[in-house]
């Protein structure tokens, strides 16, 4: 699947209250410790937890930006596996909300 020409796409910081007021979530899952800390600092209404902690592996997902195509594939496989673990938790009813 192609997303077309994405050469003009750029990441940019966002003003936290611009989107946090509208955020409706039961849980926010971060991919690494730094992002988890940043999300907690926003004082969101929903609990924040690192994805790896939520599924019990404790692993962080490394940002593949600027790395090789193989690294992107490795991260994609890691994300697929972790998301499958989240779905399995939901299917079995093992749902917990982390401490804030």
PDB file of N, CA and C in Angstrom:
ATOM      1  N   UNK A   1       0.848  -1.165   0.000  1.00  0.00           N
ATOM      2  CA  UNK A   1       0.000   0.000   0.000  1.00  0.00           C
ATOM      3  C   UNK A   1       0.894   1.228   0.000  1.00  0.00           C
ATOM      4  N   UNK A   2       0.542   2.221  -0.777  1.00  0.00           N
ATOM      5  CA  UNK A   2       1.322   3.442  -0.891  1.00  0.00           C
ATOM      6  C   UNK A   2       0.551   4.612  -0.304  1.00  0.00           C
ATOM      7  N   UNK A   3       1.277   5.510   0.330  1.00  0.00           N
ATOM      8  CA  UNK A   3       0.665   6.718   0.889  1.00  0.00           C
ATOM      9  C   UNK A   3       0.870   7.899  -0.041  1.00  0.00           C
ATOM     10  N   UNK A   4       1.347   7.649  -1.266  1.00  0.00           N
ATOM     11  CA  UNK A   4       1.578   8.745  -2.196  1.00  0.00           C
ATOM     12  C   UNK A   4       2.880   9.458  -1.867  1.00  0.00           C
ATOM     13  N   UNK A   5       2.978  10.674  -2.308  1.00  0.00           N
ATOM     14  CA  UNK A   5       4.187  11.467  -2.088  1.00  0.00           C
ATOM     15  C   UNK A   5       4.173  12.024  -0.669  1.00  0.00           C
ATOM     16  N   UNK A   6       5.089  11.549   0.145  1.00  0.00           N
ATOM     17  CA  UNK A   6       5.158  12.027   1.526  1.00  0.00           C
ATOM     18  C   UNK A   6       6.405  12.873   1.758  1.00  0.00           C
ATOM     19  N   UNK A   7       7.025  13.372   0.700  1.00  0.00           N
ATOM     20  CA  UNK A   7       8.267  14.128   0.845  1.00  0.00           C
ATOM     21  C   UNK A   7       8.071  15.431   1.605  1.00  0.00           C
ATOM     22  N   UNK A   8       6.870  15.942   1.652  1.00  0.00           N
ATOM     23  CA  UNK A   8       6.639  17.200   2.362  1.00  0.00           C
ATOM     24  C   UNK A   8       6.234  16.989   3.825  1.00  0.00           C
ATOM     25  N   UNK A   9       6.076  15.750   4.248  1.00  0.00           N
ATOM     26  CA  UNK A   9       5.691  15.474   5.632  1.00  0.00           C
ATOM     27  C   UNK A   9       6.826  15.837   6.566  1.00  0.00           C
ATOM     28  N   UNK A  10       6.528  16.492   7.658  1.00  0.00           N
ATOM     29  CA  UNK A  10       7.519  16.872   8.655  1.00  0.00           C
ATOM     30  C   UNK A  10       6.932  16.671  10.045  1.00  0.00           C
ATOM     31  N   UNK A  11       7.765  16.227  10.962  1.00  0.00           N
ATOM     32  CA  UNK A  11       7.296  16.156  12.343  1.00  0.00           C
ATOM     33  C   UNK A  11       7.428  17.552  12.938  1.00  0.00           C
ATOM     34  N   UNK A  12       6.577  17.847  13.859  1.00  0.00           N
ATOM     35  CA  UNK A  12       6.641  19.136  14.530  1.00  0.00           C
ATOM     36  C   UNK A  12       6.011  19.011  15.899  1.00  0.00           C
ATOM     37  N   UNK A  13       6.523  19.773  16.850  1.00  0.00           N
ATOM     38  CA  UNK A  13       5.934  19.723  18.191  1.00  0.00           C
ATOM     39  C   UNK A  13       4.520  20.297  18.169  1.00  0.00           C
ATOM     40  N   UNK A  14       3.739  19.861  19.096  1.00  0.00           N
ATOM     41  CA  UNK A  14       2.377  20.368  19.182  1.00  0.00           C
ATOM     42  C   UNK A  14       2.197  21.048  20.531  1.00  0.00           C
ATOM     43  N   UNK A  15       1.324  22.010  20.574  1.00  0.00           N
ATOM     44  CA  UNK A  15       0.996  22.648  21.844  1.00  0.00           C
ATOM     45  C   UNK A  15       0.152  21.652  22.630  1.00  0.00           C
ATOM     46  N   UNK A  16       0.613  21.209  23.796  1.00  0.00           N
ATOM     47  CA  UNK A  16      -0.088  20.145  24.518  1.00  0.00           C
ATOM     48  C   UNK A  16      -1.570  20.381  24.725  1.00  0.00           C
ATOM     49  N   UNK A  17      -1.958  21.568  25.165  1.00  0.00           N
ATOM     50  CA  UNK A  17      -3.380  21.752  25.439  1.00  0.00           C
ATOM     51  C   UNK A  17      -4.210  21.859  24.169  1.00  0.00           C
ATOM     52  N   UNK A  18      -3.558  21.963  23.035  1.00  0.00           N
ATOM     53  CA  UNK A  18      -4.292  22.016  21.767  1.00  0.00           C
ATOM     54  C   UNK A  18      -5.015  20.702  21.492  1.00  0.00           C
ATOM     55  N   UNK A  19      -4.418  19.582  21.864  1.00  0.00           N
ATOM     56  CA  UNK A  19      -5.060  18.293  21.601  1.00  0.00           C
ATOM     57  C   UNK A  19      -5.401  17.528  22.866  1.00  0.00           C
ATOM     58  N   UNK A  20      -4.764  17.826  24.009  1.00  0.00           N
ATOM     59  CA  UNK A  20      -5.057  17.045  25.212  1.00  0.00           C
ATOM     60  C   UNK A  20      -6.464  17.313  25.728  1.00  0.00           C
ATOM     61  N   UNK A  21      -6.980  18.489  25.499  1.00  0.00           N
ATOM     62  CA  UNK A  21      -8.357  18.770  25.935  1.00  0.00           C
ATOM     63  C   UNK A  21      -9.355  17.895  25.204  1.00  0.00           C
ATOM     64  N   UNK A  22      -9.035  17.551  23.955  1.00  0.00           N
ATOM     65  CA  UNK A  22      -9.963  16.756  23.146  1.00  0.00           C
ATOM     66  C   UNK A  22      -9.677  15.264  23.218  1.00  0.00           C
ATOM     67  N   UNK A  23      -8.579  14.878  23.838  1.00  0.00           N
ATOM     68  CA  UNK A  23      -8.197  13.468  23.886  1.00  0.00           C
ATOM     69  C   UNK A  23      -9.195  12.678  24.725  1.00  0.00           C
ATOM     70  N   UNK A  24      -9.766  11.665  24.106  1.00  0.00           N
ATOM     71  CA  UNK A  24     -10.675  10.764  24.820  1.00  0.00           C
ATOM     72  C   UNK A  24     -10.082   9.369  24.702  1.00  0.00           C
ATOM     73  N   UNK A  25      -9.481   8.910  25.775  1.00  0.00           N
ATOM     74  CA  UNK A  25      -8.839   7.598  25.763  1.00  0.00           C
ATOM     75  C   UNK A  25      -8.958   6.979  27.143  1.00  0.00           C
ATOM     76  N   UNK A  26      -9.018   5.657  27.171  1.00  0.00           N
ATOM     77  CA  UNK A  26      -9.021   4.941  28.437  1.00  0.00           C
ATOM     78  C   UNK A  26      -7.603   4.653  28.897  1.00  0.00           C
ATOM     79  N   UNK A  27      -6.673   4.624  27.949  1.00  0.00           N
ATOM     80  CA  UNK A  27      -5.276   4.316  28.238  1.00  0.00           C
ATOM     81  C   UNK A  27      -4.416   4.863  27.115  1.00  0.00           C
ATOM     82  N   UNK A  28      -3.285   5.455  27.464  1.00  0.00           N
ATOM     83  CA  UNK A  28      -2.322   5.932  26.469  1.00  0.00           C
ATOM     84  C   UNK A  28      -1.085   5.052  26.586  1.00  0.00           C
ATOM     85  N   UNK A  29      -0.701   4.417  25.481  1.00  0.00           N
ATOM     86  CA  UNK A  29       0.466   3.542  25.459  1.00  0.00           C
ATOM     87  C   UNK A  29       1.607   4.227  24.723  1.00  0.00           C
ATOM     88  N   UNK A  30       2.727   4.390  25.409  1.00  0.00           N
ATOM     89  CA  UNK A  30       3.922   5.002  24.828  1.00  0.00           C
ATOM     90  C   UNK A  30       4.871   3.898  24.369  1.00  0.00           C
ATOM     91  N   UNK A  31       5.730   4.220  23.413  1.00  0.00           N
ATOM     92  CA  UNK A  31       6.637   3.214  22.877  1.00  0.00           C
ATOM     93  C   UNK A  31       7.970   3.145  23.602  1.00  0.00           C
ATOM     94  N   UNK A  32       8.324   4.187  24.358  1.00  0.00           N
ATOM     95  CA  UNK A  32       9.595   4.165  25.089  1.00  0.00           C
ATOM     96  C   UNK A  32       9.454   4.965  26.379  1.00  0.00           C
ATOM     97  N   UNK A  33      10.457   4.859  27.244  1.00  0.00           N
ATOM     98  CA  UNK A  33      10.404   5.521  28.562  1.00  0.00           C
ATOM     99  C   UNK A  33      10.325   7.042  28.435  1.00  0.00           C
ATOM    100  N   UNK A  34      11.089   7.598  27.514  1.00  0.00           N
ATOM    101  CA  UNK A  34      11.090   9.054  27.361  1.00  0.00           C
ATOM    102  C   UNK A  34       9.705   9.565  26.974  1.00  0.00           C
ATOM    103  N   UNK A  35       9.078   8.912  26.020  1.00  0.00           N
ATOM    104  CA  UNK A  35       7.743   9.319  25.599  1.00  0.00           C
ATOM    105  C   UNK A  35       6.730   9.107  26.708  1.00  0.00           C
ATOM    106  N   UNK A  36       6.918   8.047  27.472  1.00  0.00           N
ATOM    107  CA  UNK A  36       6.030   7.799  28.618  1.00  0.00           C
ATOM    108  C   UNK A  36       6.132   8.951  29.615  1.00  0.00           C
ATOM    109  N   UNK A  37       7.366   9.376  29.939  1.00  0.00           N
ATOM    110  CA  UNK A  37       7.557  10.496  30.872  1.00  0.00           C
ATOM    111  C   UNK A  37       6.934  11.781  30.320  1.00  0.00           C
ATOM    112  N   UNK A  38       7.144  12.040  29.035  1.00  0.00           N
ATOM    113  CA  UNK A  38       6.582  13.244  28.420  1.00  0.00           C
ATOM    114  C   UNK A  38       5.054  13.219  28.448  1.00  0.00           C
ATOM    115  N   UNK A  39       4.472  12.076  28.173  1.00  0.00           N
ATOM    116  CA  UNK A  39       3.012  11.965  28.193  1.00  0.00           C
ATOM    117  C   UNK A  39       2.477  12.142  29.612  1.00  0.00           C
ATOM    118  N   UNK A  40       3.163  11.579  30.596  1.00  0.00           N
ATOM    119  CA  UNK A  40       2.723  11.757  31.991  1.00  0.00           C
ATOM    120  C   UNK A  40       2.782  13.224  32.401  1.00  0.00           C
ATOM    121  N   UNK A  41       3.798  13.935  31.904  1.00  0.00           N
ATOM    122  CA  UNK A  41       3.954  15.353  32.250  1.00  0.00           C
ATOM    123  C   UNK A  41       2.803  16.201  31.707  1.00  0.00           C
ATOM    124  N   UNK A  42       2.106  15.696  30.701  1.00  0.00           N
ATOM    125  CA  UNK A  42       0.971  16.426  30.136  1.00  0.00           C
ATOM    126  C   UNK A  42      -0.256  16.372  31.034  1.00  0.00           C
ATOM    127  N   UNK A  43      -0.211  15.519  32.060  1.00  0.00           N
ATOM    128  CA  UNK A  43      -1.338  15.372  32.997  1.00  0.00           C
ATOM    129  C   UNK A  43      -2.632  15.030  32.257  1.00  0.00           C
ATOM    130  N   UNK A  44      -2.537  14.012  31.426  1.00  0.00           N
ATOM    131  CA  UNK A  44      -3.693  13.561  30.670  1.00  0.00           C
ATOM    132  C   UNK A  44      -4.743  12.975  31.598  1.00  0.00           C
ATOM    133  N   UNK A  45      -5.966  12.929  31.145  1.00  0.00           N
ATOM    134  CA  UNK A  45      -7.037  12.308  31.937  1.00  0.00           C
ATOM    135  C   UNK A  45      -6.873  10.798  31.986  1.00  0.00           C
ATOM    136  N   UNK A  46      -6.334  10.229  30.924  1.00  0.00           N
ATOM    137  CA  UNK A  46      -6.156   8.773  30.842  1.00  0.00           C
ATOM    138  C   UNK A  46      -4.813   8.382  31.451  1.00  0.00           C
ATOM    139  N   UNK A  47      -4.725   7.180  32.010  1.00  0.00           N
ATOM    140  CA  UNK A  47      -3.446   6.697  32.501  1.00  0.00           C
ATOM    141  C   UNK A  47      -2.474   6.479  31.343  1.00  0.00           C
ATOM    142  N   UNK A  48      -1.188   6.628  31.630  1.00  0.00           N
ATOM    143  CA  UNK A  48      -0.136   6.462  30.626  1.00  0.00           C
ATOM    144  C   UNK A  48       0.762   5.313  31.063  1.00  0.00           C
ATOM    145  N   UNK A  49       1.094   4.446  30.121  1.00  0.00           N
ATOM    146  CA  UNK A  49       1.965   3.313  30.410  1.00  0.00           C
ATOM    147  C   UNK A  49       2.772   2.989  29.161  1.00  0.00           C
ATOM    148  N   UNK A  50       3.965   2.490  29.350  1.00  0.00           N
ATOM    149  CA  UNK A  50       4.753   2.058  28.208  1.00  0.00           C
ATOM    150  C   UNK A  50       4.174   0.739  27.692  1.00  0.00           C
ATOM    151  N   UNK A  51       4.093   0.623  26.380  1.00  0.00           N
ATOM    152  CA  UNK A  51       3.515  -0.562  25.739  1.00  0.00           C
ATOM    153  C   UNK A  51       4.146  -1.851  26.254  1.00  0.00           C
ATOM    154  N   UNK A  52       5.473  -1.895  26.298  1.00  0.00           N
ATOM    155  CA  UNK A  52       6.159  -3.101  26.770  1.00  0.00           C
ATOM    156  C   UNK A  52       5.803  -3.456  28.207  1.00  0.00           C
ATOM    157  N   UNK A  53       5.640  -2.441  29.056  1.00  0.00           N
ATOM    158  CA  UNK A  53       5.228  -2.699  30.441  1.00  0.00           C
ATOM    159  C   UNK A  53       3.793  -3.213  30.485  1.00  0.00           C
ATOM    160  N   UNK A  54       2.957  -2.649  29.652  1.00  0.00           N
ATOM    161  CA  UNK A  54       1.540  -3.033  29.643  1.00  0.00           C
ATOM    162  C   UNK A  54       1.355  -4.508  29.306  1.00  0.00           C
ATOM    163  N   UNK A  55       2.189  -5.027  28.410  1.00  0.00           N
ATOM    164  CA  UNK A  55       2.048  -6.431  28.010  1.00  0.00           C
ATOM    165  C   UNK A  55       2.986  -7.357  28.786  1.00  0.00           C
ATOM    166  N   UNK A  56       3.800  -6.790  29.677  1.00  0.00           N
ATOM    167  CA  UNK A  56       4.634  -7.616  30.541  1.00  0.00           C
ATOM    168  C   UNK A  56       6.023  -7.942  30.034  1.00  0.00           C
ATOM    169  N   UNK A  57       6.444  -7.344  28.916  1.00  0.00           N
ATOM    170  CA  UNK A  57       7.790  -7.628  28.421  1.00  0.00           C
ATOM    171  C   UNK A  57       8.805  -6.592  28.889  1.00  0.00           C
ATOM    172  N   UNK A  58       8.336  -5.395  29.201  1.00  0.00           N
ATOM    173  CA  UNK A  58       9.212  -4.320  29.647  1.00  0.00           C
ATOM    174  C   UNK A  58      10.074  -3.718  28.552  1.00  0.00           C
ATOM    175  N   UNK A  59       9.886  -4.150  27.321  1.00  0.00           N
ATOM    176  CA  UNK A  59      10.764  -3.670  26.252  1.00  0.00           C
ATOM    177  C   UNK A  59      10.302  -2.334  25.687  1.00  0.00           C
ATOM    178  N   UNK A  60      11.280  -1.561  25.235  1.00  0.00           N
ATOM    179  CA  UNK A  60      11.007  -0.307  24.562  1.00  0.00           C
ATOM    180  C   UNK A  60      11.045  -0.537  23.052  1.00  0.00           C
ATOM    181  N   UNK A  61      10.320   0.299  22.319  1.00  0.00           N
ATOM    182  CA  UNK A  61      10.348   0.250  20.861  1.00  0.00           C
ATOM    183  C   UNK A  61      11.219   1.418  20.413  1.00  0.00           C
ATOM    184  N   UNK A  62      12.305   1.098  19.747  1.00  0.00           N
ATOM    185  CA  UNK A  62      13.250   2.114  19.314  1.00  0.00           C
ATOM    186  C   UNK A  62      12.740   2.817  18.059  1.00  0.00           C
ATOM    187  N   UNK A  63      12.881   4.124  18.015  1.00  0.00           N
ATOM    188  CA  UNK A  63      12.473   4.898  16.847  1.00  0.00           C
ATOM    189  C   UNK A  63      13.373   4.543  15.667  1.00  0.00           C
ATOM    190  N   UNK A  64      12.803   4.093  14.558  1.00  0.00           N
ATOM    191  CA  UNK A  64      13.628   3.679  13.421  1.00  0.00           C
ATOM    192  C   UNK A  64      14.062   4.828  12.512  1.00  0.00           C
ATOM    193  N   UNK A  65      13.635   6.054  12.824  1.00  0.00           N
ATOM    194  CA  UNK A  65      13.907   7.179  11.942  1.00  0.00           C
ATOM    195  C   UNK A  65      15.390   7.285  11.593  1.00  0.00           C
ATOM    196  N   UNK A  66      15.674   7.368  10.293  1.00  0.00           N
ATOM    197  CA  UNK A  66      17.034   7.532   9.823  1.00  0.00           C
ATOM    198  C   UNK A  66      17.850   6.256   9.786  1.00  0.00           C
ATOM    199  N   UNK A  67      17.239   5.148  10.106  1.00  0.00           N
ATOM    200  CA  UNK A  67      17.943   3.874  10.126  1.00  0.00           C
ATOM    201  C   UNK A  67      17.699   3.114   8.823  1.00  0.00           C
ATOM    202  N   UNK A  68      18.249   1.936   8.738  1.00  0.00           N
ATOM    203  CA  UNK A  68      18.163   1.129   7.522  1.00  0.00           C
ATOM    204  C   UNK A  68      16.757   0.542   7.332  1.00  0.00           C
ATOM    205  N   UNK A  69      16.438   0.147   6.091  1.00  0.00           N
ATOM    206  CA  UNK A  69      15.154  -0.518   5.849  1.00  0.00           C
ATOM    207  C   UNK A  69      14.992  -1.760   6.722  1.00  0.00           C
ATOM    208  N   UNK A  70      16.081  -2.478   6.978  1.00  0.00           N
ATOM    209  CA  UNK A  70      15.993  -3.658   7.841  1.00  0.00           C
ATOM    210  C   UNK A  70      15.552  -3.265   9.253  1.00  0.00           C
ATOM    211  N   UNK A  71      16.080  -2.159   9.753  1.00  0.00           N
ATOM    212  CA  UNK A  71      15.698  -1.713  11.092  1.00  0.00           C
ATOM    213  C   UNK A  71      14.201  -1.368  11.128  1.00  0.00           C
ATOM    214  N   UNK A  72      13.717  -0.713  10.082  1.00  0.00           N
ATOM    215  CA  UNK A  72      12.286  -0.419  10.006  1.00  0.00           C
ATOM    216  C   UNK A  72      11.467  -1.706  10.043  1.00  0.00           C
ATOM    217  N   UNK A  73      11.893  -2.718   9.311  1.00  0.00           N
ATOM    218  CA  UNK A  73      11.174  -4.000   9.313  1.00  0.00           C
ATOM    219  C   UNK A  73      11.207  -4.637  10.701  1.00  0.00           C
ATOM    220  N   UNK A  74      12.379  -4.590  11.355  1.00  0.00           N
ATOM    221  CA  UNK A  74      12.494  -5.162  12.699  1.00  0.00           C
ATOM    222  C   UNK A  74      11.541  -4.473  13.676  1.00  0.00           C
ATOM    223  N   UNK A  75      11.475  -3.142  13.590  1.00  0.00           N
ATOM    224  CA  UNK A  75      10.571  -2.398  14.465  1.00  0.00           C
ATOM    225  C   UNK A  75       9.116  -2.731  14.134  1.00  0.00           C
ATOM    226  N   UNK A  76       8.805  -2.873  12.853  1.00  0.00           N
ATOM    227  CA  UNK A  76       7.437  -3.236  12.459  1.00  0.00           C
ATOM    228  C   UNK A  76       7.058  -4.603  13.032  1.00  0.00           C
ATOM    229  N   UNK A  77       7.969  -5.559  12.986  1.00  0.00           N
ATOM    230  CA  UNK A  77       7.699  -6.897  13.553  1.00  0.00           C
ATOM    231  C   UNK A  77       7.524  -6.811  15.067  1.00  0.00           C
ATOM    232  N   UNK A  78       8.366  -6.000  15.719  1.00  0.00           N
ATOM    233  CA  UNK A  78       8.251  -5.832  17.169  1.00  0.00           C
ATOM    234  C   UNK A  78       6.893  -5.223  17.522  1.00  0.00           C
ATOM    235  N   UNK A  79       6.501  -4.187  16.809  1.00  0.00           N
ATOM    236  CA  UNK A  79       5.200  -3.561  17.072  1.00  0.00           C
ATOM    237  C   UNK A  79       4.052  -4.533  16.842  1.00  0.00           C
ATOM    238  N   UNK A  80       4.132  -5.294  15.771  1.00  0.00           N
ATOM    239  CA  UNK A  80       3.083  -6.288  15.488  1.00  0.00           C
ATOM    240  C   UNK A  80       2.957  -7.275  16.643  1.00  0.00           C
ATOM    241  N   UNK A  81       4.095  -7.767  17.127  1.00  0.00           N
ATOM    242  CA  UNK A  81       4.087  -8.728  18.227  1.00  0.00           C
ATOM    243  C   UNK A  81       3.510  -8.101  19.496  1.00  0.00           C
ATOM    244  N   UNK A  82       3.919  -6.871  19.818  1.00  0.00           N
ATOM    245  CA  UNK A  82       3.427  -6.220  21.035  1.00  0.00           C
ATOM    246  C   UNK A  82       1.942  -5.909  20.948  1.00  0.00           C
ATOM    247  N   UNK A  83       1.485  -5.469  19.784  1.00  0.00           N
ATOM    248  CA  UNK A  83       0.061  -5.182  19.623  1.00  0.00           C
ATOM    249  C   UNK A  83      -0.753  -6.470  19.719  1.00  0.00           C
ATOM    250  N   UNK A  84      -0.224  -7.558  19.183  1.00  0.00           N
ATOM    251  CA  UNK A  84      -0.918  -8.844  19.319  1.00  0.00           C
ATOM    252  C   UNK A  84      -1.039  -9.232  20.796  1.00  0.00           C
ATOM    253  N   UNK A  85      -0.030  -8.919  21.597  1.00  0.00           N
ATOM    254  CA  UNK A  85      -0.106  -9.194  23.035  1.00  0.00           C
ATOM    255  C   UNK A  85      -1.171  -8.328  23.706  1.00  0.00           C
ATOM    256  N   UNK A  86      -1.299  -7.082  23.278  1.00  0.00           N
ATOM    257  CA  UNK A  86      -2.354  -6.213  23.813  1.00  0.00           C
ATOM    258  C   UNK A  86      -3.715  -6.801  23.479  1.00  0.00           C
ATOM    259  N   UNK A  87      -3.893  -7.210  22.235  1.00  0.00           N
ATOM    260  CA  UNK A  87      -5.178  -7.787  21.806  1.00  0.00           C
ATOM    261  C   UNK A  87      -5.474  -9.057  22.595  1.00  0.00           C
ATOM    262  N   UNK A  88      -4.461  -9.885  22.822  1.00  0.00           N
ATOM    263  CA  UNK A  88      -4.659 -11.109  23.600  1.00  0.00           C
ATOM    264  C   UNK A  88      -5.110 -10.777  25.022  1.00  0.00           C
ATOM    265  N   UNK A  89      -4.526  -9.738  25.597  1.00  0.00           N
ATOM    266  CA  UNK A  89      -4.950  -9.311  26.947  1.00  0.00           C
ATOM    267  C   UNK A  89      -6.404  -8.880  26.939  1.00  0.00           C
ATOM    268  N   UNK A  90      -6.783  -8.140  25.911  1.00  0.00           N
ATOM    269  CA  UNK A  90      -8.173  -7.687  25.819  1.00  0.00           C
ATOM    270  C   UNK A  90      -9.115  -8.863  25.613  1.00  0.00           C
ATOM    271  N   UNK A  91      -8.711  -9.819  24.778  1.00  0.00           N
ATOM    272  CA  UNK A  91      -9.545 -10.998  24.509  1.00  0.00           C
ATOM    273  C   UNK A  91      -9.762 -11.844  25.754  1.00  0.00           C
ATOM    274  N   UNK A  92      -8.759 -11.898  26.632  1.00  0.00           N
ATOM    275  CA  UNK A  92      -8.884 -12.727  27.843  1.00  0.00           C
ATOM    276  C   UNK A  92      -9.455 -11.938  29.016  1.00  0.00           C
ATOM    277  N   UNK A  93      -9.694 -10.647  28.803  1.00  0.00           N
ATOM    278  CA  UNK A  93     -10.264  -9.839  29.868  1.00  0.00           C
ATOM    279  C   UNK A  93      -9.251  -9.367  30.886  1.00  0.00           C
ATOM    280  N   UNK A  94      -7.955  -9.566  30.600  1.00  0.00           N
ATOM    281  CA  UNK A  94      -6.919  -9.095  31.528  1.00  0.00           C
ATOM    282  C   UNK A  94      -6.616  -7.646  31.180  1.00  0.00           C
ATOM    283  N   UNK A  95      -7.376  -6.762  31.773  1.00  0.00           N
ATOM    284  CA  UNK A  95      -7.186  -5.351  31.494  1.00  0.00           C
ATOM    285  C   UNK A  95      -6.968  -4.643  32.817  1.00  0.00           C
ATOM    286  N   UNK A  96      -5.856  -3.962  32.890  1.00  0.00           N
ATOM    287  CA  UNK A  96      -5.569  -3.201  34.102  1.00  0.00           C
ATOM    288  C   UNK A  96      -5.196  -1.794  33.696  1.00  0.00           C
ATOM    289  N   UNK A  97      -5.416  -0.873  34.591  1.00  0.00           N
ATOM    290  CA  UNK A  97      -4.963   0.485  34.344  1.00  0.00           C
ATOM    291  C   UNK A  97      -3.776   0.723  35.261  1.00  0.00           C
ATOM    292  N   UNK A  98      -2.719   1.304  34.722  1.00  0.00           N
ATOM    293  CA  UNK A  98      -1.513   1.506  35.510  1.00  0.00           C
ATOM    294  C   UNK A  98      -1.694   2.576  36.569  1.00  0.00           C
ATOM    295  N   UNK A  99      -0.798   2.541  37.541  1.00  0.00           N
ATOM    296  CA  UNK A  99      -0.753   3.587  38.568  1.00  0.00           C
ATOM    297  C   UNK A  99      -0.372   4.891  37.897  1.00  0.00           C
ATOM    298  N   UNK A 100      -0.928   5.974  38.329  1.00  0.00           N
ATOM    299  CA  UNK A 100      -0.562   7.277  37.769  1.00  0.00           C
ATOM    300  C   UNK A 100       0.598   7.861  38.490  1.00  0.00           C
TER     301      UNK A 100
END
